[in-house]
PDB file of N, CA and C in Angstrom:
ATOM      1  N   SER A   1      88.762  92.601 113.507  1.00  0.00           N
ATOM      2  CA  SER A   1      88.018  92.427 115.046  1.00  0.00           C
ATOM      3  C   SER A   1      88.932  92.827 115.939  1.00  0.00           C
ATOM      4  N   GLU A   2      88.148  92.758 116.965  1.00  0.00           N
ATOM      5  CA  GLU A   2      88.581  94.360 118.348  1.00  0.00           C
ATOM      6  C   GLU A   2      89.601  92.630 118.828  1.00  0.00           C
ATOM      7  N   GLU A   3      90.541  93.915 119.458  1.00  0.00           N
ATOM      8  CA  GLU A   3      90.650  93.001 120.314  1.00  0.00           C
ATOM      9  C   GLU A   3      91.341  93.844 121.972  1.00  0.00           C
ATOM     10  N   TYR A   4      91.410  93.676 122.927  1.00  0.00           N
ATOM     11  CA  TYR A   4      91.450  94.180 123.807  1.00  0.00           C
ATOM     12  C   TYR A   4      92.805  93.067 124.961  1.00  0.00           C
ATOM     13  N   ILE A   5      93.041  94.050 125.882  1.00  0.00           N
ATOM     14  CA  ILE A   5      93.838  94.153 126.859  1.00  0.00           C
ATOM     15  C   ILE A   5      93.841  92.940 127.823  1.00  0.00           C
ATOM     16  N   GLN A   6      94.619  91.662 127.747  1.00  0.00           N
ATOM     17  CA  GLN A   6      94.332  90.488 128.790  1.00  0.00           C
ATOM     18  C   GLN A   6      94.522  91.013 130.167  1.00  0.00           C
ATOM     19  N   PRO A   7      93.872  91.216 131.236  1.00  0.00           N
ATOM     20  CA  PRO A   7      94.045  91.703 132.519  1.00  0.00           C
ATOM     21  C   PRO A   7      95.154  90.994 133.424  1.00  0.00           C
ATOM     22  N   SER A   8      95.204  89.364 132.546  1.00  0.00           N
ATOM     23  CA  SER A   8      96.356  88.544 133.721  1.00  0.00           C
ATOM     24  C   SER A   8      98.015  89.397 133.195  1.00  0.00           C
ATOM     25  N   ARG A   9      97.694  89.299 131.836  1.00  0.00           N
ATOM     26  CA  ARG A   9      99.556  89.841 131.315  1.00  0.00           C
ATOM     27  C   ARG A   9      99.811  91.573 131.840  1.00  0.00           C
ATOM     28  N   MET A  10      98.819  92.295 132.137  1.00  0.00           N
ATOM     29  CA  MET A  10      98.629  93.844 131.879  1.00  0.00           C
ATOM     30  C   MET A  10      99.430  93.484 133.849  1.00  0.00           C
ATOM     31  N   CYS A  11      98.420  92.832 134.483  1.00  0.00           N
ATOM     32  CA  CYS A  11      98.692  92.590 135.742  1.00  0.00           C
ATOM     33  C   CYS A  11     100.127  92.022 136.300  1.00  0.00           C
ATOM     34  N   ALA A  12     100.258  90.893 135.497  1.00  0.00           N
ATOM     35  CA  ALA A  12     102.009  90.470 135.869  1.00  0.00           C
ATOM     36  C   ALA A  12     102.386  91.249 136.041  1.00  0.00           C
ATOM     37  N   VAL A  13     102.743  92.218 134.825  1.00  0.00           N
ATOM     38  CA  VAL A  13     104.160  93.328 134.305  1.00  0.00           C
ATOM     39  C   VAL A  13     103.658  94.549 135.892  1.00  0.00           C
ATOM     40  N   GLY A  14     102.175  95.159 135.678  1.00  0.00           N
ATOM     41  CA  GLY A  14     102.147  96.005 136.587  1.00  0.00           C
ATOM     42  C   GLY A  14     102.951  95.655 137.905  1.00  0.00           C
ATOM     43  N   ILE A  15     102.763  94.577 138.546  1.00  0.00           N
ATOM     44  CA  ILE A  15     103.088  94.379 139.228  1.00  0.00           C
ATOM     45  C   ILE A  15     104.606  93.927 139.726  1.00  0.00           C
ATOM     46  N   PHE A  16     104.834  93.043 138.575  1.00  0.00           N
ATOM     47  CA  PHE A  16     106.658  93.607 138.572  1.00  0.00           C
ATOM     48  C   PHE A  16     107.572  94.715 139.088  1.00  0.00           C
ATOM     49  N   PHE A  17     106.701  95.120 138.231  1.00  0.00           N
ATOM     50  CA  PHE A  17     107.213  96.398 137.252  1.00  0.00           C
ATOM     51  C   PHE A  17     107.527  97.364 138.691  1.00  0.00           C
ATOM     52  N   PHE A  18     105.902  97.303 140.144  1.00  0.00           N
ATOM     53  CA  PHE A  18     105.700  98.202 141.209  1.00  0.00           C
ATOM     54  C   PHE A  18     106.647  97.989 141.962  1.00  0.00           C
ATOM     55  N   PHE A  19     106.979  96.930 141.931  1.00  0.00           N
ATOM     56  CA  PHE A  19     107.482  96.700 142.862  1.00  0.00           C
ATOM     57  C   PHE A  19     109.105  96.307 143.190  1.00  0.00           C
ATOM     58  N   ALA A  20     110.064  96.641 141.844  1.00  0.00           N
ATOM     59  CA  ALA A  20     111.079  96.288 141.241  1.00  0.00           C
ATOM     60  C   ALA A  20     111.173  97.569 140.489  1.00  0.00           C
ATOM     61  N   ASP A  21     112.926  98.260 141.114  1.00  0.00           N
ATOM     62  CA  ASP A  21     113.186  98.992 139.819  1.00  0.00           C
ATOM     63  C   ASP A  21     113.486  98.412 138.719  1.00  0.00           C
ATOM     64  N   SER A  22     113.203  99.771 137.393  1.00  0.00           N
ATOM     65  CA  SER A  22     113.415  98.333 136.047  1.00  0.00           C
ATOM     66  C   SER A  22     114.990  97.725 135.576  1.00  0.00           C
ATOM     67  N   LEU A  23     116.112  98.666 136.798  1.00  0.00           N
ATOM     68  CA  LEU A  23     117.244  98.890 136.525  1.00  0.00           C
ATOM     69  C   LEU A  23     117.870  97.078 136.767  1.00  0.00           C
ATOM     70  N   ILE A  24     116.827  96.994 138.358  1.00  0.00           N
ATOM     71  CA  ILE A  24     117.000  95.370 138.665  1.00  0.00           C
ATOM     72  C   ILE A  24     116.426  94.567 137.454  1.00  0.00           C
ATOM     73  N   ILE A  25     114.899  95.154 137.199  1.00  0.00           N
ATOM     74  CA  ILE A  25     114.810  93.994 136.107  1.00  0.00           C
ATOM     75  C   ILE A  25     115.435  94.135 135.403  1.00  0.00           C
ATOM     76  N   ALA A  26     115.779  95.022 134.873  1.00  0.00           N
ATOM     77  CA  ALA A  26     116.778  94.513 134.328  1.00  0.00           C
ATOM     78  C   ALA A  26     117.795  93.613 133.961  1.00  0.00           C
ATOM     79  N   GLN A  27     118.591  94.037 135.427  1.00  0.00           N
ATOM     80  CA  GLN A  27     119.454  93.192 135.148  1.00  0.00           C
ATOM     81  C   GLN A  27     119.427  91.056 135.711  1.00  0.00           C
ATOM     82  N   LEU A  28     118.263  91.081 136.246  1.00  0.00           N
ATOM     83  CA  LEU A  28     117.415  90.143 136.145  1.00  0.00           C
ATOM     84  C   LEU A  28     116.959  89.237 134.498  1.00  0.00           C
ATOM     85  N   ALA A  29     116.604  90.321 133.522  1.00  0.00           N
ATOM     86  CA  ALA A  29     116.251  89.551 132.443  1.00  0.00           C
ATOM     87  C   ALA A  29     117.811  89.169 131.716  1.00  0.00           C
ATOM     88  N   ARG A  30     119.271  90.352 132.269  1.00  0.00           N
ATOM     89  CA  ARG A  30     120.471  90.236 131.406  1.00  0.00           C
ATOM     90  C   ARG A  30     120.388  88.582 131.622  1.00  0.00           C
ATOM     91  N   ASP A  31     120.857  88.566 133.162  1.00  0.00           N
ATOM     92  CA  ASP A  31     120.754  87.214 133.606  1.00  0.00           C
ATOM     93  C   ASP A  31     120.052  85.899 133.169  1.00  0.00           C
ATOM     94  N   GLY A  32     118.831  86.133 132.154  1.00  0.00           N
ATOM     95  CA  GLY A  32     118.538  85.437 131.997  1.00  0.00           C
ATOM     96  C   GLY A  32     117.006  85.002 132.382  1.00  0.00           C
ATOM     97  N   ASN A  33     116.750  85.708 133.536  1.00  0.00           N
ATOM     98  CA  ASN A  33     115.231  85.512 134.524  1.00  0.00           C
ATOM     99  C   ASN A  33     114.257  85.539 133.704  1.00  0.00           C
ATOM    100  N   PRO A  34     113.036  83.909 133.070  1.00  0.00           N
ATOM    101  CA  PRO A  34     112.604  84.316 132.173  1.00  0.00           C
ATOM    102  C   PRO A  34     111.195  85.330 132.361  1.00  0.00           C
ATOM    103  N   GLU A  35     110.485  85.897 134.023  1.00  0.00           N
ATOM    104  CA  GLU A  35     109.330  86.346 134.115  1.00  0.00           C
ATOM    105  C   GLU A  35     110.317  87.789 133.451  1.00  0.00           C
ATOM    106  N   ALA A  36     111.215  87.999 133.741  1.00  0.00           N
ATOM    107  CA  ALA A  36     111.871  89.461 133.686  1.00  0.00           C
ATOM    108  C   ALA A  36     112.270  90.221 132.255  1.00  0.00           C
ATOM    109  N   ARG A  37     112.570  88.644 131.706  1.00  0.00           N
ATOM    110  CA  ARG A  37     112.744  88.683 130.454  1.00  0.00           C
ATOM    111  C   ARG A  37     111.432  89.291 129.166  1.00  0.00           C
ATOM    112  N   ARG A  38     109.757  88.544 129.404  1.00  0.00           N
ATOM    113  CA  ARG A  38     108.055  88.859 129.850  1.00  0.00           C
ATOM    114  C   ARG A  38     108.218  89.817 129.459  1.00  0.00           C
ATOM    115  N   ALA A  39     108.296  90.925 131.334  1.00  0.00           N
ATOM    116  CA  ALA A  39     107.862  91.373 131.599  1.00  0.00           C
ATOM    117  C   ALA A  39     108.423  92.775 130.580  1.00  0.00           C
ATOM    118  N   PHE A  40     109.291  92.912 130.211  1.00  0.00           N
ATOM    119  CA  PHE A  40     109.982  93.568 129.258  1.00  0.00           C
ATOM    120  C   PHE A  40     109.644  93.603 128.065  1.00  0.00           C
ATOM    121  N   GLN A  41     109.031  91.728 127.399  1.00  0.00           N
ATOM    122  CA  GLN A  41     108.529  91.867 126.127  1.00  0.00           C
ATOM    123  C   GLN A  41     106.814  92.477 125.911  1.00  0.00           C
ATOM    124  N   VAL A  42     106.435  92.207 127.164  1.00  0.00           N
ATOM    125  CA  VAL A  42     105.282  92.899 127.016  1.00  0.00           C
ATOM    126  C   VAL A  42     104.875  94.395 127.418  1.00  0.00           C
ATOM    127  N   LEU A  43     105.757  94.499 127.582  1.00  0.00           N
ATOM    128  CA  LEU A  43     106.507  96.050 128.430  1.00  0.00           C
ATOM    129  C   LEU A  43     106.411  96.822 126.538  1.00  0.00           C
ATOM    130  N   ALA A  44     106.830  96.309 125.651  1.00  0.00           N
ATOM    131  CA  ALA A  44     107.741  97.151 124.296  1.00  0.00           C
ATOM    132  C   ALA A  44     106.095  97.357 123.663  1.00  0.00           C
ATOM    133  N   GLU A  45     105.895  95.290 124.023  1.00  0.00           N
ATOM    134  CA  GLU A  45     104.314  95.722 122.524  1.00  0.00           C
ATOM    135  C   GLU A  45     103.622  96.754 123.526  1.00  0.00           C
ATOM    136  N   PHE A  46     102.954  97.397 124.676  1.00  0.00           N
ATOM    137  CA  PHE A  46     101.651  98.366 124.971  1.00  0.00           C
ATOM    138  C   PHE A  46     102.746  99.668 124.476  1.00  0.00           C
ATOM    139  N   LEU A  47     103.752 100.336 125.071  1.00  0.00           N
ATOM    140  CA  LEU A  47     104.578 101.092 125.123  1.00  0.00           C
ATOM    141  C   LEU A  47     104.302 101.217 123.378  1.00  0.00           C
ATOM    142  N   ALA A  48     104.469 100.063 122.755  1.00  0.00           N
ATOM    143  CA  ALA A  48     105.258 101.299 121.094  1.00  0.00           C
ATOM    144  C   ALA A  48     104.227 100.343 120.786  1.00  0.00           C
ATOM    145  N   ALA A  49     102.594 100.522 120.694  1.00  0.00           N
ATOM    146  CA  ALA A  49     101.114 101.077 120.630  1.00  0.00           C
ATOM    147  C   ALA A  49     101.070 102.513 120.921  1.00  0.00           C
ATOM    148  N   ALA A  50     101.609 102.415 122.785  1.00  0.00           N
ATOM    149  CA  ALA A  50     101.440 103.681 123.240  1.00  0.00           C
ATOM    150  C   ALA A  50     101.858 105.151 122.063  1.00  0.00           C
ATOM    151  N   LEU A  51     102.881 104.573 122.031  1.00  0.00           N
ATOM    152  CA  LEU A  51     103.806 105.891 121.419  1.00  0.00           C
ATOM    153  C   LEU A  51     103.349 105.725 119.789  1.00  0.00           C
ATOM    154  N   ALA A  52     102.801 104.866 118.838  1.00  0.00           N
ATOM    155  CA  ALA A  52     103.578 104.641 117.855  1.00  0.00           C
ATOM    156  C   ALA A  52     101.268 104.952 117.710  1.00  0.00           C
ATOM    157  N   HIS A  53     100.113 105.320 118.624  1.00  0.00           N
ATOM    158  CA  HIS A  53      99.583 106.494 118.439  1.00  0.00           C
ATOM    159  C   HIS A  53      99.538 107.617 119.070  1.00  0.00           C
ATOM    160  N   ALA A  54     100.434 107.902 119.170  1.00  0.00           N
ATOM    161  CA  ALA A  54     100.869 109.452 120.013  1.00  0.00           C
ATOM    162  C   ALA A  54     101.736 109.628 118.699  1.00  0.00           C
ATOM    163  N   ALA A  55     102.365 108.805 118.056  1.00  0.00           N
ATOM    164  CA  ALA A  55     102.599 109.703 117.083  1.00  0.00           C
ATOM    165  C   ALA A  55     102.019 110.097 115.969  1.00  0.00           C
ATOM    166  N   LYS A  56     101.018 109.630 115.632  1.00  0.00           N
ATOM    167  CA  LYS A  56      99.978 109.758 114.612  1.00  0.00           C
ATOM    168  C   LYS A  56      99.462 111.055 114.810  1.00  0.00           C
ATOM    169  N   LEU A  57      99.049 111.338 116.241  1.00  0.00           N
ATOM    170  CA  LEU A  57      98.196 112.748 116.753  1.00  0.00           C
ATOM    171  C   LEU A  57      99.072 113.748 116.247  1.00  0.00           C
ATOM    172  N   LEU A  58      99.794 113.462 116.770  1.00  0.00           N
ATOM    173  CA  LEU A  58     100.752 114.482 117.393  1.00  0.00           C
ATOM    174  C   LEU A  58     102.206 115.375 115.933  1.00  0.00           C
ATOM    175  N   ASP A  59     102.100 114.242 115.310  1.00  0.00           N
ATOM    176  CA  ASP A  59     102.767 114.326 114.171  1.00  0.00           C
ATOM    177  C   ASP A  59     104.558 114.462 114.221  1.00  0.00           C
ATOM    178  N   CYS A  60     105.192 113.832 115.144  1.00  0.00           N
ATOM    179  CA  CYS A  60     106.092 114.287 116.047  1.00  0.00           C
ATOM    180  C   CYS A  60     107.438 113.591 114.877  1.00  0.00           C
ATOM    181  N   GLY A  61     108.735 114.154 114.886  1.00  0.00           N
ATOM    182  CA  GLY A  61     110.066 113.683 114.247  1.00  0.00           C
ATOM    183  C   GLY A  61     110.536 112.940 115.262  1.00  0.00           C
ATOM    184  N   GLN A  62     110.691 112.716 116.233  1.00  0.00           N
ATOM    185  CA  GLN A  62     111.826 112.347 117.596  1.00  0.00           C
ATOM    186  C   GLN A  62     110.675 111.437 119.033  1.00  0.00           C
ATOM    187  N   ILE A  63     110.978 110.469 119.290  1.00  0.00           N
ATOM    188  CA  ILE A  63     110.899 110.032 120.505  1.00  0.00           C
ATOM    189  C   ILE A  63     111.690 109.495 121.021  1.00  0.00           C
ATOM    190  N   ARG A  64     111.537 109.676 122.307  1.00  0.00           N
ATOM    191  CA  ARG A  64     112.974 108.997 123.156  1.00  0.00           C
ATOM    192  C   ARG A  64     112.191 108.937 124.901  1.00  0.00           C
ATOM    193  N   VAL A  65     112.432 107.760 124.748  1.00  0.00           N
ATOM    194  CA  VAL A  65     112.169 107.021 125.829  1.00  0.00           C
ATOM    195  C   VAL A  65     113.316 107.085 127.432  1.00  0.00           C
ATOM    196  N   GLY A  66     112.602 107.127 128.245  1.00  0.00           N
ATOM    197  CA  GLY A  66     113.564 108.582 128.619  1.00  0.00           C
ATOM    198  C   GLY A  66     113.830 107.085 130.668  1.00  0.00           C
ATOM    199  N   GLY A  67     113.623 108.503 131.311  1.00  0.00           N
ATOM    200  CA  GLY A  67     113.671 107.829 133.082  1.00  0.00           C
ATOM    201  C   GLY A  67     114.796 106.513 133.450  1.00  0.00           C
ATOM    202  N   GLY A  68     114.338 105.481 134.133  1.00  0.00           N
ATOM    203  CA  GLY A  68     114.981 104.157 134.728  1.00  0.00           C
ATOM    204  C   GLY A  68     114.822 103.390 133.531  1.00  0.00           C
ATOM    205  N   LEU A  69     113.897 103.102 132.357  1.00  0.00           N
ATOM    206  CA  LEU A  69     113.784 102.855 131.206  1.00  0.00           C
ATOM    207  C   LEU A  69     114.765 102.706 130.556  1.00  0.00           C
ATOM    208  N   SER A  70     115.007 103.879 129.883  1.00  0.00           N
ATOM    209  CA  SER A  70     116.310 103.987 129.024  1.00  0.00           C
ATOM    210  C   SER A  70     118.072 103.226 129.655  1.00  0.00           C
ATOM    211  N   GLY A  71     117.883 103.121 130.578  1.00  0.00           N
ATOM    212  CA  GLY A  71     118.766 102.313 130.783  1.00  0.00           C
ATOM    213  C   GLY A  71     118.742 101.143 130.997  1.00  0.00           C
ATOM    214  N   ALA A  72     117.728  99.974 130.958  1.00  0.00           N
ATOM    215  CA  ALA A  72     117.534  98.556 130.329  1.00  0.00           C
ATOM    216  C   ALA A  72     116.887  98.747 129.009  1.00  0.00           C
ATOM    217  N   TRP A  73     117.645 100.033 128.342  1.00  0.00           N
ATOM    218  CA  TRP A  73     116.586 100.082 126.169  1.00  0.00           C
ATOM    219  C   TRP A  73     117.740  99.119 125.631  1.00  0.00           C
ATOM    220  N   ASP A  74     118.502  98.254 126.458  1.00  0.00           N
ATOM    221  CA  ASP A  74     119.042  97.138 126.196  1.00  0.00           C
ATOM    222  C   ASP A  74     118.382  95.517 126.681  1.00  0.00           C
ATOM    223  N   CYS A  75     117.333  95.661 127.258  1.00  0.00           N
ATOM    224  CA  CYS A  75     116.441  94.121 127.586  1.00  0.00           C
ATOM    225  C   CYS A  75     114.476  94.893 126.775  1.00  0.00           C
ATOM    226  N   PHE A  76     114.967  95.774 125.350  1.00  0.00           N
ATOM    227  CA  PHE A  76     113.268  96.196 124.680  1.00  0.00           C
ATOM    228  C   PHE A  76     113.514  96.640 123.609  1.00  0.00           C
ATOM    229  N   GLY A  77     114.501  97.415 123.937  1.00  0.00           N
ATOM    230  CA  GLY A  77     114.406  98.525 122.755  1.00  0.00           C
ATOM    231  C   GLY A  77     114.415  98.093 121.431  1.00  0.00           C
ATOM    232  N   ASP A  78     114.732  96.818 120.925  1.00  0.00           N
ATOM    233  CA  ASP A  78     115.068  96.108 119.314  1.00  0.00           C
ATOM    234  C   ASP A  78     112.631  95.727 119.572  1.00  0.00           C
ATOM    235  N   GLU A  79     112.806  95.162 120.258  1.00  0.00           N
ATOM    236  CA  GLU A  79     111.609  94.754 120.077  1.00  0.00           C
ATOM    237  C   GLU A  79     110.600  95.206 120.067  1.00  0.00           C
ATOM    238  N   LEU A  80     110.727  96.901 121.401  1.00  0.00           N
ATOM    239  CA  LEU A  80     110.087  98.425 120.712  1.00  0.00           C
ATOM    240  C   LEU A  80     109.583  99.079 119.481  1.00  0.00           C
ATOM    241  N   VAL A  81     110.564  99.003 119.265  1.00  0.00           N
ATOM    242  CA  VAL A  81     111.381  99.833 118.180  1.00  0.00           C
ATOM    243  C   VAL A  81     110.869  99.468 116.829  1.00  0.00           C
ATOM    244  N   GLN A  82     110.921  97.644 116.362  1.00  0.00           N
ATOM    245  CA  GLN A  82     109.955  96.949 114.810  1.00  0.00           C
ATOM    246  C   GLN A  82     108.633  96.741 115.889  1.00  0.00           C
ATOM    247  N   GLN A  83     108.279  96.720 116.724  1.00  0.00           N
ATOM    248  CA  GLN A  83     106.548  96.631 117.016  1.00  0.00           C
ATOM    249  C   GLN A  83     106.072  97.911 116.969  1.00  0.00           C
ATOM    250  N   PHE A  84     106.828  98.992 117.254  1.00  0.00           N
ATOM    251  CA  PHE A  84     106.127 101.074 116.903  1.00  0.00           C
ATOM    252  C   PHE A  84     106.467 101.183 115.814  1.00  0.00           C
ATOM    253  N   ARG A  85     107.492 100.607 114.793  1.00  0.00           N
ATOM    254  CA  ARG A  85     106.735 100.064 113.052  1.00  0.00           C
ATOM    255  C   ARG A  85     106.014 100.202 112.819  1.00  0.00           C
ATOM    256  N   ALA A  86     106.041  98.615 113.522  1.00  0.00           N
ATOM    257  CA  ALA A  86     104.444  97.949 112.874  1.00  0.00           C
ATOM    258  C   ALA A  86     103.183  98.809 113.648  1.00  0.00           C
ATOM    259  N   ASN A  87     103.216  99.280 114.313  1.00  0.00           N
ATOM    260  CA  ASN A  87     101.852  99.762 114.167  1.00  0.00           C
ATOM    261  C   ASN A  87     101.739 101.119 113.958  1.00  0.00           C
ATOM    262  N   LEU A  88     102.526 101.684 112.890  1.00  0.00           N
ATOM    263  CA  LEU A  88     102.823 103.547 112.421  1.00  0.00           C
ATOM    264  C   LEU A  88     102.207 103.284 110.733  1.00  0.00           C
ATOM    265  N   ILE A  89     100.913 104.323 110.768  1.00  0.00           N
ATOM    266  CA  ILE A  89     101.087 103.977 109.050  1.00  0.00           C
ATOM    267  C   ILE A  89     101.802 104.322 108.681  1.00  0.00           C
ATOM    268  N   PRO A  90     101.808 103.961 106.976  1.00  0.00           N
ATOM    269  CA  PRO A  90     103.868 103.237 106.634  1.00  0.00           C
ATOM    270  C   PRO A  90     103.486 104.889 105.803  1.00  0.00           C
ATOM    271  N   VAL A  91     103.434 105.987 106.148  1.00  0.00           N
ATOM    272  CA  VAL A  91     103.910 106.818 105.621  1.00  0.00           C
ATOM    273  C   VAL A  91     104.922 107.990 107.051  1.00  0.00           C
ATOM    274  N   LEU A  92     104.596 107.216 107.843  1.00  0.00           N
ATOM    275  CA  LEU A  92     105.317 107.170 108.892  1.00  0.00           C
ATOM    276  C   LEU A  92     106.296 106.730 109.490  1.00  0.00           C
ATOM    277  N   ARG A  93     106.716 105.545 108.875  1.00  0.00           N
ATOM    278  CA  ARG A  93     106.919 104.554 109.598  1.00  0.00           C
ATOM    279  C   ARG A  93     108.766 104.796 109.289  1.00  0.00           C
ATOM    280  N   GLU A  94     109.380 105.675 108.526  1.00  0.00           N
ATOM    281  CA  GLU A  94     110.897 105.592 108.387  1.00  0.00           C
ATOM    282  C   GLU A  94     111.018 107.774 109.034  1.00  0.00           C
ATOM    283  N   ALA A  95     109.384 108.111 109.112  1.00  0.00           N
ATOM    284  CA  ALA A  95     109.632 109.641 109.478  1.00  0.00           C
ATOM    285  C   ALA A  95     109.560 110.234 110.353  1.00  0.00           C
ATOM    286  N   VAL A  96     109.373 108.685 111.419  1.00  0.00           N
ATOM    287  CA  VAL A  96     110.003 109.166 113.087  1.00  0.00           C
ATOM    288  C   VAL A  96     110.652 108.083 113.351  1.00  0.00           C
ATOM    289  N   GLU A  97     111.367 108.850 114.233  1.00  0.00           N
ATOM    290  CA  GLU A  97     112.917 108.440 114.898  1.00  0.00           C
ATOM    291  C   GLU A  97     112.515 107.854 116.490  1.00  0.00           C
ATOM    292  N   ILE A  98     112.554 106.567 116.988  1.00  0.00           N
ATOM    293  CA  ILE A  98     112.335 106.635 118.695  1.00  0.00           C
ATOM    294  C   ILE A  98     113.891 105.728 119.176  1.00  0.00           C
ATOM    295  N   GLY A  99     113.708 106.031 120.377  1.00  0.00           N
ATOM    296  CA  GLY A  99     115.669 105.295 120.588  1.00  0.00           C
ATOM    297  C   GLY A  99     115.006 106.349 122.317  1.00  0.00           C
ATOM    298  N   PRO A 100     116.008 105.899 122.689  1.00  0.00           N
ATOM    299  CA  PRO A 100     115.985 105.712 124.229  1.00  0.00           C
ATOM    300  C   PRO A 100     116.556 107.137 124.860  1.00  0.00           C
ATOM    301  N   GLY A 101     116.655 108.059 125.531  1.00  0.00           N
ATOM    302  CA  GLY A 101     116.587 109.470 125.879  1.00  0.00           C
ATOM    303  C   GLY A 101     117.864 108.907 126.980  1.00  0.00           C
ATOM    304  N   ASN A 102     118.887 110.631 126.990  1.00  0.00           N
ATOM    305  CA  ASN A 102     120.467 110.007 127.484  1.00  0.00           C
ATOM    306  C   ASN A 102     120.068 111.059 128.810  1.00  0.00           C
ATOM    307  N   HIS A 103     119.610 111.496 129.688  1.00  0.00           N
ATOM    308  CA  HIS A 103     119.500 111.998 130.339  1.00  0.00           C
ATOM    309  C   HIS A 103     118.762 111.405 131.519  1.00  0.00           C
ATOM    310  N   ASP A 104     118.699 110.156 131.590  1.00  0.00           N
ATOM    311  CA  ASP A 104     118.518 109.240 132.800  1.00  0.00           C
ATOM    312  C   ASP A 104     117.155 109.910 133.282  1.00  0.00           C
ATOM    313  N   ASP A 105     117.363 109.892 134.537  1.00  0.00           N
ATOM    314  CA  ASP A 105     116.455 110.060 135.936  1.00  0.00           C
ATOM    315  C   ASP A 105     115.724 111.887 135.694  1.00  0.00           C
ATOM    316  N   ASP A 106     117.096 112.683 135.170  1.00  0.00           N
ATOM    317  CA  ASP A 106     117.211 113.898 134.849  1.00  0.00           C
ATOM    318  C   ASP A 106     116.333 115.158 134.177  1.00  0.00           C
ATOM    319  N   ALA A 107     115.409 113.203 133.595  1.00  0.00           N
ATOM    320  CA  ALA A 107     114.615 113.926 131.956  1.00  0.00           C
ATOM    321  C   ALA A 107     114.404 114.498 132.383  1.00  0.00           C
ATOM    322  N   GLY A 108     113.166 114.506 133.194  1.00  0.00           N
ATOM    323  CA  GLY A 108     111.941 115.516 133.732  1.00  0.00           C
ATOM    324  C   GLY A 108     112.415 116.927 133.970  1.00  0.00           C
ATOM    325  N   MET A 109     113.425 116.506 134.842  1.00  0.00           N
ATOM    326  CA  MET A 109     113.815 118.047 135.049  1.00  0.00           C
ATOM    327  C   MET A 109     114.481 119.093 134.291  1.00  0.00           C
ATOM    328  N   ARG A 110     115.417 118.499 132.849  1.00  0.00           N
ATOM    329  CA  ARG A 110     116.204 119.471 132.493  1.00  0.00           C
ATOM    330  C   ARG A 110     113.954 119.579 131.404  1.00  0.00           C
ATOM    331  N   GLY A 111     114.138 119.056 131.324  1.00  0.00           N
ATOM    332  CA  GLY A 111     112.483 120.389 130.103  1.00  0.00           C
ATOM    333  C   GLY A 111     111.673 120.457 130.917  1.00  0.00           C
ATOM    334  N   ALA A 112     111.204 120.854 132.508  1.00  0.00           N
ATOM    335  CA  ALA A 112     110.485 121.275 132.776  1.00  0.00           C
ATOM    336  C   ALA A 112     111.988 122.383 132.945  1.00  0.00           C
ATOM    337  N   ALA A 113     113.135 122.479 133.279  1.00  0.00           N
ATOM    338  CA  ALA A 113     114.568 123.500 133.029  1.00  0.00           C
ATOM    339  C   ALA A 113     114.537 124.054 132.143  1.00  0.00           C
ATOM    340  N   LEU A 114     113.983 123.172 131.111  1.00  0.00           N
ATOM    341  CA  LEU A 114     114.269 124.361 129.928  1.00  0.00           C
ATOM    342  C   LEU A 114     112.882 125.128 129.266  1.00  0.00           C
ATOM    343  N   LEU A 115     111.629 124.282 129.632  1.00  0.00           N
ATOM    344  CA  LEU A 115     110.321 125.055 129.717  1.00  0.00           C
ATOM    345  C   LEU A 115     110.199 126.575 130.222  1.00  0.00           C
ATOM    346  N   ALA A 116     110.798 126.685 131.350  1.00  0.00           N
ATOM    347  CA  ALA A 116     110.287 128.304 132.771  1.00  0.00           C
ATOM    348  C   ALA A 116     111.501 128.768 131.790  1.00  0.00           C
ATOM    349  N   GLN A 117     112.588 128.633 131.381  1.00  0.00           N
ATOM    350  CA  GLN A 117     113.329 129.604 130.422  1.00  0.00           C
ATOM    351  C   GLN A 117     112.546 129.842 129.581  1.00  0.00           C
ATOM    352  N   GLU A 118     112.274 128.978 128.252  1.00  0.00           N
ATOM    353  CA  GLU A 118     111.601 129.295 127.339  1.00  0.00           C
ATOM    354  C   GLU A 118     110.636 130.914 127.492  1.00  0.00           C
ATOM    355  N   LEU A 119     110.098 130.417 128.808  1.00  0.00           N
ATOM    356  CA  LEU A 119     109.131 130.966 129.279  1.00  0.00           C
ATOM    357  C   LEU A 119     109.247 132.602 129.272  1.00  0.00           C
ATOM    358  N   LEU A 120     110.808 132.504 130.935  1.00  0.00           N
ATOM    359  CA  LEU A 120     111.059 133.555 131.302  1.00  0.00           C
ATOM    360  C   LEU A 120     111.567 134.329 129.901  1.00  0.00           C
ATOM    361  N   SER A 121     111.609 134.408 129.313  1.00  0.00           N
ATOM    362  CA  SER A 121     112.670 135.294 127.600  1.00  0.00           C
ATOM    363  C   SER A 121     111.323 135.571 127.039  1.00  0.00           C
ATOM    364  N   SER A 122     110.523 134.865 127.147  1.00  0.00           N
ATOM    365  CA  SER A 122     109.519 135.146 126.452  1.00  0.00           C
ATOM    366  C   SER A 122     109.550 136.443 126.257  1.00  0.00           C
TER     367      SER A 122
END
């Protein structure tokens, strides 16, 4: 049977993350706010599915979740890893490592700088 994204779930989470910084939502979740906790649960579900599909296509051995979400890893990381593994084909379940990035919001800039350095040195 086919599954479709339920628009109400995506809209609610999208609006929540659109109007608030992920670290603010993380603090709300840590403080027990049910809407914030649910937002991270839904985030983990959809992000896990997307990253699992990407891992199947790209044959990568490591995935890092960076930016502001890395600072909120404690709010969704365990759920994300569990669902990520469930979405992978069996041969990839232990072959692909997933975890938080270690450069917070600087990850994009660092990646661009490393790419530029690589292109200029070749």
